[in-house]
């Protein structure tokens, strides 16, 4: 599973809007592989950061595929963002 999760999640996607969502709505954004499904993104995030994901939304932009991940109330997006290298 190690190789798969690192191929699905490319890097955190940081914008002003994503930082606001992290503080207000407990969400983080990640650039993901173009072929990755929502279920694969959810499994990779949960395995990589040892957390629970409530919902995954995916959007396709010019630069690739961006996944917006909302975490359950038990986990803080700011703590996970620190581990992911957002700060």
PDB file of N, CA and C in Angstrom:
ATOM      1  N   UNK A   1       0.824  -1.200   0.000  1.00  0.00           N
ATOM      2  CA  UNK A   1       0.000   0.000   0.000  1.00  0.00           C
ATOM      3  C   UNK A   1       0.864   1.258   0.000  1.00  0.00           C
ATOM      4  N   UNK A   2       2.065   1.184   0.500  1.00  0.00           N
ATOM      5  CA  UNK A   2       2.931   2.354   0.591  1.00  0.00           C
ATOM      6  C   UNK A   2       3.146   3.000  -0.766  1.00  0.00           C
ATOM      7  N   UNK A   3       3.456   2.205  -1.766  1.00  0.00           N
ATOM      8  CA  UNK A   3       3.714   2.760  -3.091  1.00  0.00           C
ATOM      9  C   UNK A   3       2.457   3.374  -3.689  1.00  0.00           C
ATOM     10  N   UNK A   4       1.317   2.765  -3.434  1.00  0.00           N
ATOM     11  CA  UNK A   4       0.063   3.257  -4.002  1.00  0.00           C
ATOM     12  C   UNK A   4      -0.304   4.613  -3.415  1.00  0.00           C
ATOM     13  N   UNK A   5      -0.217   4.756  -2.095  1.00  0.00           N
ATOM     14  CA  UNK A   5      -0.640   6.025  -1.487  1.00  0.00           C
ATOM     15  C   UNK A   5       0.253   7.177  -1.904  1.00  0.00           C
ATOM     16  N   UNK A   6       1.536   6.904  -2.155  1.00  0.00           N
ATOM     17  CA  UNK A   6       2.428   7.974  -2.588  1.00  0.00           C
ATOM     18  C   UNK A   6       2.235   8.307  -4.063  1.00  0.00           C
ATOM     19  N   UNK A   7       1.651   7.404  -4.831  1.00  0.00           N
ATOM     20  CA  UNK A   7       1.340   7.718  -6.223  1.00  0.00           C
ATOM     21  C   UNK A   7       0.018   8.459  -6.341  1.00  0.00           C
ATOM     22  N   UNK A   8      -0.890   8.271  -5.382  1.00  0.00           N
ATOM     23  CA  UNK A   8      -2.198   8.933  -5.428  1.00  0.00           C
ATOM     24  C   UNK A   8      -2.076  10.380  -4.978  1.00  0.00           C
ATOM     25  N   UNK A   9      -1.465  10.623  -3.827  1.00  0.00           N
ATOM     26  CA  UNK A   9      -1.326  11.963  -3.268  1.00  0.00           C
ATOM     27  C   UNK A   9       0.000  12.549  -3.741  1.00  0.00           C
ATOM     28  N   UNK A  10      -0.057  13.618  -4.517  1.00  0.00           N
ATOM     29  CA  UNK A  10       1.166  14.225  -5.033  1.00  0.00           C
ATOM     30  C   UNK A  10       1.764  15.232  -4.047  1.00  0.00           C
ATOM     31  N   UNK A  11       0.953  16.225  -3.608  1.00  0.00           N
ATOM     32  CA  UNK A  11       1.419  17.226  -2.649  1.00  0.00           C
ATOM     33  C   UNK A  11       0.230  18.047  -2.175  1.00  0.00           C
ATOM     34  N   UNK A  12       0.375  18.748  -1.039  1.00  0.00           N
ATOM     35  CA  UNK A  12      -0.690  19.650  -0.594  1.00  0.00           C
ATOM     36  C   UNK A  12      -0.835  20.810  -1.585  1.00  0.00           C
ATOM     37  N   UNK A  13      -2.065  21.257  -1.773  1.00  0.00           N
ATOM     38  CA  UNK A  13      -2.358  22.359  -2.688  1.00  0.00           C
ATOM     39  C   UNK A  13      -2.763  23.550  -1.819  1.00  0.00           C
ATOM     40  N   UNK A  14      -1.900  24.549  -1.732  1.00  0.00           N
ATOM     41  CA  UNK A  14      -2.102  25.655  -0.802  1.00  0.00           C
ATOM     42  C   UNK A  14      -2.440  26.922  -1.569  1.00  0.00           C
ATOM     43  N   UNK A  15      -3.605  27.467  -1.263  1.00  0.00           N
ATOM     44  CA  UNK A  15      -4.027  28.765  -1.780  1.00  0.00           C
ATOM     45  C   UNK A  15      -4.627  29.552  -0.612  1.00  0.00           C
ATOM     46  N   UNK A  16      -4.952  30.793  -0.848  1.00  0.00           N
ATOM     47  CA  UNK A  16      -5.576  31.598   0.196  1.00  0.00           C
ATOM     48  C   UNK A  16      -6.932  31.005   0.585  1.00  0.00           C
ATOM     49  N   UNK A  17      -7.674  30.545  -0.400  1.00  0.00           N
ATOM     50  CA  UNK A  17      -8.980  29.947  -0.134  1.00  0.00           C
ATOM     51  C   UNK A  17      -8.838  28.641   0.648  1.00  0.00           C
ATOM     52  N   UNK A  18      -7.863  27.820   0.296  1.00  0.00           N
ATOM     53  CA  UNK A  18      -7.687  26.552   1.007  1.00  0.00           C
ATOM     54  C   UNK A  18      -7.247  26.789   2.457  1.00  0.00           C
ATOM     55  N   UNK A  19      -6.462  27.825   2.705  1.00  0.00           N
ATOM     56  CA  UNK A  19      -6.077  28.143   4.080  1.00  0.00           C
ATOM     57  C   UNK A  19      -7.285  28.598   4.891  1.00  0.00           C
ATOM     58  N   UNK A  20      -8.175  29.346   4.280  1.00  0.00           N
ATOM     59  CA  UNK A  20      -9.397  29.782   4.950  1.00  0.00           C
ATOM     60  C   UNK A  20     -10.297  28.581   5.255  1.00  0.00           C
ATOM     61  N   UNK A  21     -10.429  27.655   4.297  1.00  0.00           N
ATOM     62  CA  UNK A  21     -11.234  26.458   4.516  1.00  0.00           C
ATOM     63  C   UNK A  21     -10.628  25.565   5.596  1.00  0.00           C
ATOM     64  N   UNK A  22      -9.320  25.549   5.694  1.00  0.00           N
ATOM     65  CA  UNK A  22      -8.662  24.745   6.715  1.00  0.00           C
ATOM     66  C   UNK A  22      -9.058  25.250   8.102  1.00  0.00           C
ATOM     67  N   UNK A  23      -9.092  26.550   8.282  1.00  0.00           N
ATOM     68  CA  UNK A  23      -9.428  27.128   9.582  1.00  0.00           C
ATOM     69  C   UNK A  23     -10.921  27.038   9.885  1.00  0.00           C
ATOM     70  N   UNK A  24     -11.756  27.343   8.913  1.00  0.00           N
ATOM     71  CA  UNK A  24     -13.191  27.429   9.170  1.00  0.00           C
ATOM     72  C   UNK A  24     -13.943  26.113   9.031  1.00  0.00           C
ATOM     73  N   UNK A  25     -13.556  25.262   8.053  1.00  0.00           N
ATOM     74  CA  UNK A  25     -14.366  24.089   7.732  1.00  0.00           C
ATOM     75  C   UNK A  25     -13.625  22.762   7.884  1.00  0.00           C
ATOM     76  N   UNK A  26     -12.417  22.781   8.457  1.00  0.00           N
ATOM     77  CA  UNK A  26     -11.664  21.553   8.713  1.00  0.00           C
ATOM     78  C   UNK A  26     -11.376  20.785   7.419  1.00  0.00           C
ATOM     79  N   UNK A  27     -10.932  21.511   6.376  1.00  0.00           N
ATOM     80  CA  UNK A  27     -10.647  20.916   5.069  1.00  0.00           C
ATOM     81  C   UNK A  27      -9.207  21.197   4.654  1.00  0.00           C
ATOM     82  N   UNK A  28      -8.662  20.292   3.846  1.00  0.00           N
ATOM     83  CA  UNK A  28      -7.369  20.482   3.197  1.00  0.00           C
ATOM     84  C   UNK A  28      -7.505  20.120   1.725  1.00  0.00           C
ATOM     85  N   UNK A  29      -6.668  20.710   0.896  1.00  0.00           N
ATOM     86  CA  UNK A  29      -6.663  20.376  -0.527  1.00  0.00           C
ATOM     87  C   UNK A  29      -5.331  19.732  -0.885  1.00  0.00           C
ATOM     88  N   UNK A  30      -5.417  18.723  -1.764  1.00  0.00           N
ATOM     89  CA  UNK A  30      -4.237  18.001  -2.226  1.00  0.00           C
ATOM     90  C   UNK A  30      -4.285  17.874  -3.737  1.00  0.00           C
ATOM     91  N   UNK A  31      -3.131  18.002  -4.373  1.00  0.00           N
ATOM     92  CA  UNK A  31      -3.016  17.657  -5.786  1.00  0.00           C
ATOM     93  C   UNK A  31      -2.877  16.143  -5.833  1.00  0.00           C
ATOM     94  N   UNK A  32      -3.707  15.496  -6.660  1.00  0.00           N
ATOM     95  CA  UNK A  32      -3.714  14.043  -6.722  1.00  0.00           C
ATOM     96  C   UNK A  32      -3.488  13.582  -8.151  1.00  0.00           C
ATOM     97  N   UNK A  33      -3.195  12.296  -8.305  1.00  0.00           N
ATOM     98  CA  UNK A  33      -2.997  11.707  -9.623  1.00  0.00           C
ATOM     99  C   UNK A  33      -4.273  11.842 -10.441  1.00  0.00           C
ATOM    100  N   UNK A  34      -4.135  12.079 -11.721  1.00  0.00           N
ATOM    101  CA  UNK A  34      -5.271  12.290 -12.615  1.00  0.00           C
ATOM    102  C   UNK A  34      -6.200  11.073 -12.652  1.00  0.00           C
ATOM    103  N   UNK A  35      -5.665   9.869 -12.463  1.00  0.00           N
ATOM    104  CA  UNK A  35      -6.460   8.642 -12.549  1.00  0.00           C
ATOM    105  C   UNK A  35      -7.058   8.218 -11.217  1.00  0.00           C
ATOM    106  N   UNK A  36      -6.756   8.920 -10.128  1.00  0.00           N
ATOM    107  CA  UNK A  36      -7.207   8.534  -8.796  1.00  0.00           C
ATOM    108  C   UNK A  36      -8.704   8.773  -8.616  1.00  0.00           C
ATOM    109  N   UNK A  37      -9.365   7.836  -7.957  1.00  0.00           N
ATOM    110  CA  UNK A  37     -10.789   7.979  -7.638  1.00  0.00           C
ATOM    111  C   UNK A  37     -10.933   8.556  -6.235  1.00  0.00           C
ATOM    112  N   UNK A  38     -12.168   8.933  -5.875  1.00  0.00           N
ATOM    113  CA  UNK A  38     -12.420   9.477  -4.541  1.00  0.00           C
ATOM    114  C   UNK A  38     -12.084   8.455  -3.460  1.00  0.00           C
ATOM    115  N   UNK A  39     -12.453   7.210  -3.693  1.00  0.00           N
ATOM    116  CA  UNK A  39     -12.193   6.152  -2.713  1.00  0.00           C
ATOM    117  C   UNK A  39     -10.699   5.941  -2.514  1.00  0.00           C
ATOM    118  N   UNK A  40      -9.929   6.000  -3.588  1.00  0.00           N
ATOM    119  CA  UNK A  40      -8.482   5.847  -3.480  1.00  0.00           C
ATOM    120  C   UNK A  40      -7.861   7.021  -2.722  1.00  0.00           C
ATOM    121  N   UNK A  41      -8.353   8.227  -2.982  1.00  0.00           N
ATOM    122  CA  UNK A  41      -7.848   9.407  -2.281  1.00  0.00           C
ATOM    123  C   UNK A  41      -8.156   9.286  -0.790  1.00  0.00           C
ATOM    124  N   UNK A  42      -9.380   8.892  -0.460  1.00  0.00           N
ATOM    125  CA  UNK A  42      -9.781   8.742   0.942  1.00  0.00           C
ATOM    126  C   UNK A  42      -8.908   7.711   1.648  1.00  0.00           C
ATOM    127  N   UNK A  43      -8.714   6.563   1.021  1.00  0.00           N
ATOM    128  CA  UNK A  43      -7.905   5.504   1.624  1.00  0.00           C
ATOM    129  C   UNK A  43      -6.451   5.952   1.800  1.00  0.00           C
ATOM    130  N   UNK A  44      -5.916   6.649   0.821  1.00  0.00           N
ATOM    131  CA  UNK A  44      -4.522   7.101   0.894  1.00  0.00           C
ATOM    132  C   UNK A  44      -4.332   8.142   1.996  1.00  0.00           C
ATOM    133  N   UNK A  45      -5.252   9.089   2.123  1.00  0.00           N
ATOM    134  CA  UNK A  45      -5.156  10.118   3.163  1.00  0.00           C
ATOM    135  C   UNK A  45      -5.271   9.485   4.542  1.00  0.00           C
ATOM    136  N   UNK A  46      -6.250   8.594   4.717  1.00  0.00           N
ATOM    137  CA  UNK A  46      -6.425   7.947   6.016  1.00  0.00           C
ATOM    138  C   UNK A  46      -5.212   7.113   6.397  1.00  0.00           C
ATOM    139  N   UNK A  47      -4.622   6.435   5.429  1.00  0.00           N
ATOM    140  CA  UNK A  47      -3.461   5.604   5.706  1.00  0.00           C
ATOM    141  C   UNK A  47      -2.209   6.445   5.944  1.00  0.00           C
ATOM    142  N   UNK A  48      -2.028   7.491   5.176  1.00  0.00           N
ATOM    143  CA  UNK A  48      -0.819   8.306   5.256  1.00  0.00           C
ATOM    144  C   UNK A  48      -0.769   9.148   6.524  1.00  0.00           C
ATOM    145  N   UNK A  49      -1.903   9.717   6.940  1.00  0.00           N
ATOM    146  CA  UNK A  49      -1.939  10.644   8.076  1.00  0.00           C
ATOM    147  C   UNK A  49      -2.656  10.087   9.295  1.00  0.00           C
ATOM    148  N   UNK A  50      -3.067   8.826   9.301  1.00  0.00           N
ATOM    149  CA  UNK A  50      -3.741   8.172  10.413  1.00  0.00           C
ATOM    150  C   UNK A  50      -4.888   9.031  10.961  1.00  0.00           C
ATOM    151  N   UNK A  51      -5.858   9.313  10.095  1.00  0.00           N
ATOM    152  CA  UNK A  51      -7.007  10.131  10.453  1.00  0.00           C
ATOM    153  C   UNK A  51      -8.251   9.553   9.791  1.00  0.00           C
ATOM    154  N   UNK A  52      -9.395  10.158  10.063  1.00  0.00           N
ATOM    155  CA  UNK A  52     -10.649   9.755   9.424  1.00  0.00           C
ATOM    156  C   UNK A  52     -11.130  10.883   8.523  1.00  0.00           C
ATOM    157  N   UNK A  53     -11.495  10.517   7.304  1.00  0.00           N
ATOM    158  CA  UNK A  53     -11.975  11.477   6.313  1.00  0.00           C
ATOM    159  C   UNK A  53     -13.499  11.410   6.265  1.00  0.00           C
ATOM    160  N   UNK A  54     -14.148  12.567   6.343  1.00  0.00           N
ATOM    161  CA  UNK A  54     -15.600  12.625   6.275  1.00  0.00           C
ATOM    162  C   UNK A  54     -16.084  12.646   4.828  1.00  0.00           C
ATOM    163  N   UNK A  55     -15.388  13.422   3.969  1.00  0.00           N
ATOM    164  CA  UNK A  55     -15.855  13.582   2.587  1.00  0.00           C
ATOM    165  C   UNK A  55     -14.701  14.009   1.695  1.00  0.00           C
ATOM    166  N   UNK A  56     -14.765  13.576   0.432  1.00  0.00           N
ATOM    167  CA  UNK A  56     -13.760  13.954  -0.563  1.00  0.00           C
ATOM    168  C   UNK A  56     -14.489  14.536  -1.770  1.00  0.00           C
ATOM    169  N   UNK A  57     -14.110  15.739  -2.163  1.00  0.00           N
ATOM    170  CA  UNK A  57     -14.600  16.357  -3.390  1.00  0.00           C
ATOM    171  C   UNK A  57     -13.417  16.497  -4.340  1.00  0.00           C
ATOM    172  N   UNK A  58     -13.670  16.285  -5.629  1.00  0.00           N
ATOM    173  CA  UNK A  58     -12.602  16.332  -6.623  1.00  0.00           C
ATOM    174  C   UNK A  58     -12.973  17.327  -7.704  1.00  0.00           C
ATOM    175  N   UNK A  59     -11.982  18.129  -8.103  1.00  0.00           N
ATOM    176  CA  UNK A  59     -12.189  19.045  -9.230  1.00  0.00           C
ATOM    177  C   UNK A  59     -10.997  18.923 -10.161  1.00  0.00           C
ATOM    178  N   UNK A  60     -11.257  19.085 -11.439  1.00  0.00           N
ATOM    179  CA  UNK A  60     -10.202  19.024 -12.438  1.00  0.00           C
ATOM    180  C   UNK A  60      -9.938  20.436 -12.923  1.00  0.00           C
ATOM    181  N   UNK A  61      -8.682  20.844 -12.797  1.00  0.00           N
ATOM    182  CA  UNK A  61      -8.259  22.177 -13.223  1.00  0.00           C
ATOM    183  C   UNK A  61      -7.192  22.014 -14.282  1.00  0.00           C
ATOM    184  N   UNK A  62      -6.726  23.123 -14.818  1.00  0.00           N
ATOM    185  CA  UNK A  62      -5.721  23.081 -15.876  1.00  0.00           C
ATOM    186  C   UNK A  62      -4.445  22.358 -15.464  1.00  0.00           C
ATOM    187  N   UNK A  63      -4.074  22.526 -14.211  1.00  0.00           N
ATOM    188  CA  UNK A  63      -2.823  21.941 -13.741  1.00  0.00           C
ATOM    189  C   UNK A  63      -2.956  20.484 -13.323  1.00  0.00           C
ATOM    190  N   UNK A  64      -4.170  19.952 -13.247  1.00  0.00           N
ATOM    191  CA  UNK A  64      -4.368  18.550 -12.863  1.00  0.00           C
ATOM    192  C   UNK A  64      -5.634  18.367 -12.052  1.00  0.00           C
ATOM    193  N   UNK A  65      -5.606  17.416 -11.147  1.00  0.00           N
ATOM    194  CA  UNK A  65      -6.764  17.076 -10.339  1.00  0.00           C
ATOM    195  C   UNK A  65      -6.500  17.490  -8.893  1.00  0.00           C
ATOM    196  N   UNK A  66      -7.481  18.193  -8.293  1.00  0.00           N
ATOM    197  CA  UNK A  66      -7.369  18.674  -6.930  1.00  0.00           C
ATOM    198  C   UNK A  66      -8.465  18.015  -6.094  1.00  0.00           C
ATOM    199  N   UNK A  67      -8.083  17.436  -4.967  1.00  0.00           N
ATOM    200  CA  UNK A  67      -9.033  16.807  -4.057  1.00  0.00           C
ATOM    201  C   UNK A  67      -9.161  17.670  -2.807  1.00  0.00           C
ATOM    202  N   UNK A  68     -10.406  18.029  -2.461  1.00  0.00           N
ATOM    203  CA  UNK A  68     -10.683  18.732  -1.223  1.00  0.00           C
ATOM    204  C   UNK A  68     -11.174  17.702  -0.218  1.00  0.00           C
ATOM    205  N   UNK A  69     -10.458  17.573   0.877  1.00  0.00           N
ATOM    206  CA  UNK A  69     -10.724  16.532   1.861  1.00  0.00           C
ATOM    207  C   UNK A  69     -11.219  17.174   3.147  1.00  0.00           C
ATOM    208  N   UNK A  70     -12.431  16.755   3.589  1.00  0.00           N
ATOM    209  CA  UNK A  70     -12.955  17.228   4.867  1.00  0.00           C
ATOM    210  C   UNK A  70     -12.742  16.130   5.897  1.00  0.00           C
ATOM    211  N   UNK A  71     -12.189  16.501   7.046  1.00  0.00           N
ATOM    212  CA  UNK A  71     -11.898  15.546   8.098  1.00  0.00           C
ATOM    213  C   UNK A  71     -13.028  15.524   9.123  1.00  0.00           C
ATOM    214  N   UNK A  72     -13.139  14.425   9.877  1.00  0.00           N
ATOM    215  CA  UNK A  72     -14.136  14.335  10.936  1.00  0.00           C
ATOM    216  C   UNK A  72     -13.754  15.309  12.044  1.00  0.00           C
ATOM    217  N   UNK A  73     -14.698  15.551  12.947  1.00  0.00           N
ATOM    218  CA  UNK A  73     -14.479  16.525  14.015  1.00  0.00           C
ATOM    219  C   UNK A  73     -13.387  16.080  14.990  1.00  0.00           C
ATOM    220  N   UNK A  74     -13.079  14.797  15.011  1.00  0.00           N
ATOM    221  CA  UNK A  74     -12.052  14.281  15.919  1.00  0.00           C
ATOM    222  C   UNK A  74     -10.652  14.710  15.517  1.00  0.00           C
ATOM    223  N   UNK A  75     -10.456  15.094  14.274  1.00  0.00           N
ATOM    224  CA  UNK A  75      -9.129  15.426  13.747  1.00  0.00           C
ATOM    225  C   UNK A  75      -9.107  16.862  13.250  1.00  0.00           C
ATOM    226  N   UNK A  76      -8.013  17.551  13.511  1.00  0.00           N
ATOM    227  CA  UNK A  76      -7.853  18.944  13.115  1.00  0.00           C
ATOM    228  C   UNK A  76      -7.103  19.032  11.785  1.00  0.00           C
ATOM    229  N   UNK A  77      -7.652  19.776  10.852  1.00  0.00           N
ATOM    230  CA  UNK A  77      -6.997  19.960   9.560  1.00  0.00           C
ATOM    231  C   UNK A  77      -5.684  20.720   9.722  1.00  0.00           C
ATOM    232  N   UNK A  78      -5.592  21.576  10.721  1.00  0.00           N
ATOM    233  CA  UNK A  78      -4.353  22.320  10.954  1.00  0.00           C
ATOM    234  C   UNK A  78      -3.235  21.381  11.398  1.00  0.00           C
ATOM    235  N   UNK A  79      -3.555  20.414  12.265  1.00  0.00           N
ATOM    236  CA  UNK A  79      -2.534  19.448  12.696  1.00  0.00           C
ATOM    237  C   UNK A  79      -2.092  18.564  11.534  1.00  0.00           C
ATOM    238  N   UNK A  80      -3.040  18.111  10.739  1.00  0.00           N
ATOM    239  CA  UNK A  80      -2.719  17.260   9.593  1.00  0.00           C
ATOM    240  C   UNK A  80      -1.954  18.071   8.546  1.00  0.00           C
ATOM    241  N   UNK A  81      -2.328  19.331   8.370  1.00  0.00           N
ATOM    242  CA  UNK A  81      -1.617  20.204   7.454  1.00  0.00           C
ATOM    243  C   UNK A  81      -0.173  20.427   7.868  1.00  0.00           C
ATOM    244  N   UNK A  82       0.076  20.499   9.161  1.00  0.00           N
ATOM    245  CA  UNK A  82       1.438  20.630   9.667  1.00  0.00           C
ATOM    246  C   UNK A  82       2.250  19.390   9.316  1.00  0.00           C
ATOM    247  N   UNK A  83       1.652  18.203   9.479  1.00  0.00           N
ATOM    248  CA  UNK A  83       2.345  16.956   9.141  1.00  0.00           C
ATOM    249  C   UNK A  83       2.542  16.830   7.641  1.00  0.00           C
ATOM    250  N   UNK A  84       1.619  17.419   6.848  1.00  0.00           N
ATOM    251  CA  UNK A  84       1.704  17.317   5.394  1.00  0.00           C
ATOM    252  C   UNK A  84       2.691  18.322   4.806  1.00  0.00           C
ATOM    253  N   UNK A  85       3.105  19.302   5.593  1.00  0.00           N
ATOM    254  CA  UNK A  85       4.074  20.278   5.112  1.00  0.00           C
ATOM    255  C   UNK A  85       3.455  21.541   4.551  1.00  0.00           C
ATOM    256  N   UNK A  86       2.252  21.878   4.987  1.00  0.00           N
ATOM    257  CA  UNK A  86       1.592  23.081   4.501  1.00  0.00           C
ATOM    258  C   UNK A  86       2.269  24.323   5.106  1.00  0.00           C
ATOM    259  N   UNK A  87       2.693  24.239   6.354  1.00  0.00           N
ATOM    260  CA  UNK A  87       3.298  25.380   7.038  1.00  0.00           C
ATOM    261  C   UNK A  87       4.785  25.332   6.962  1.00  0.00           C
TER     262      UNK A  87
END
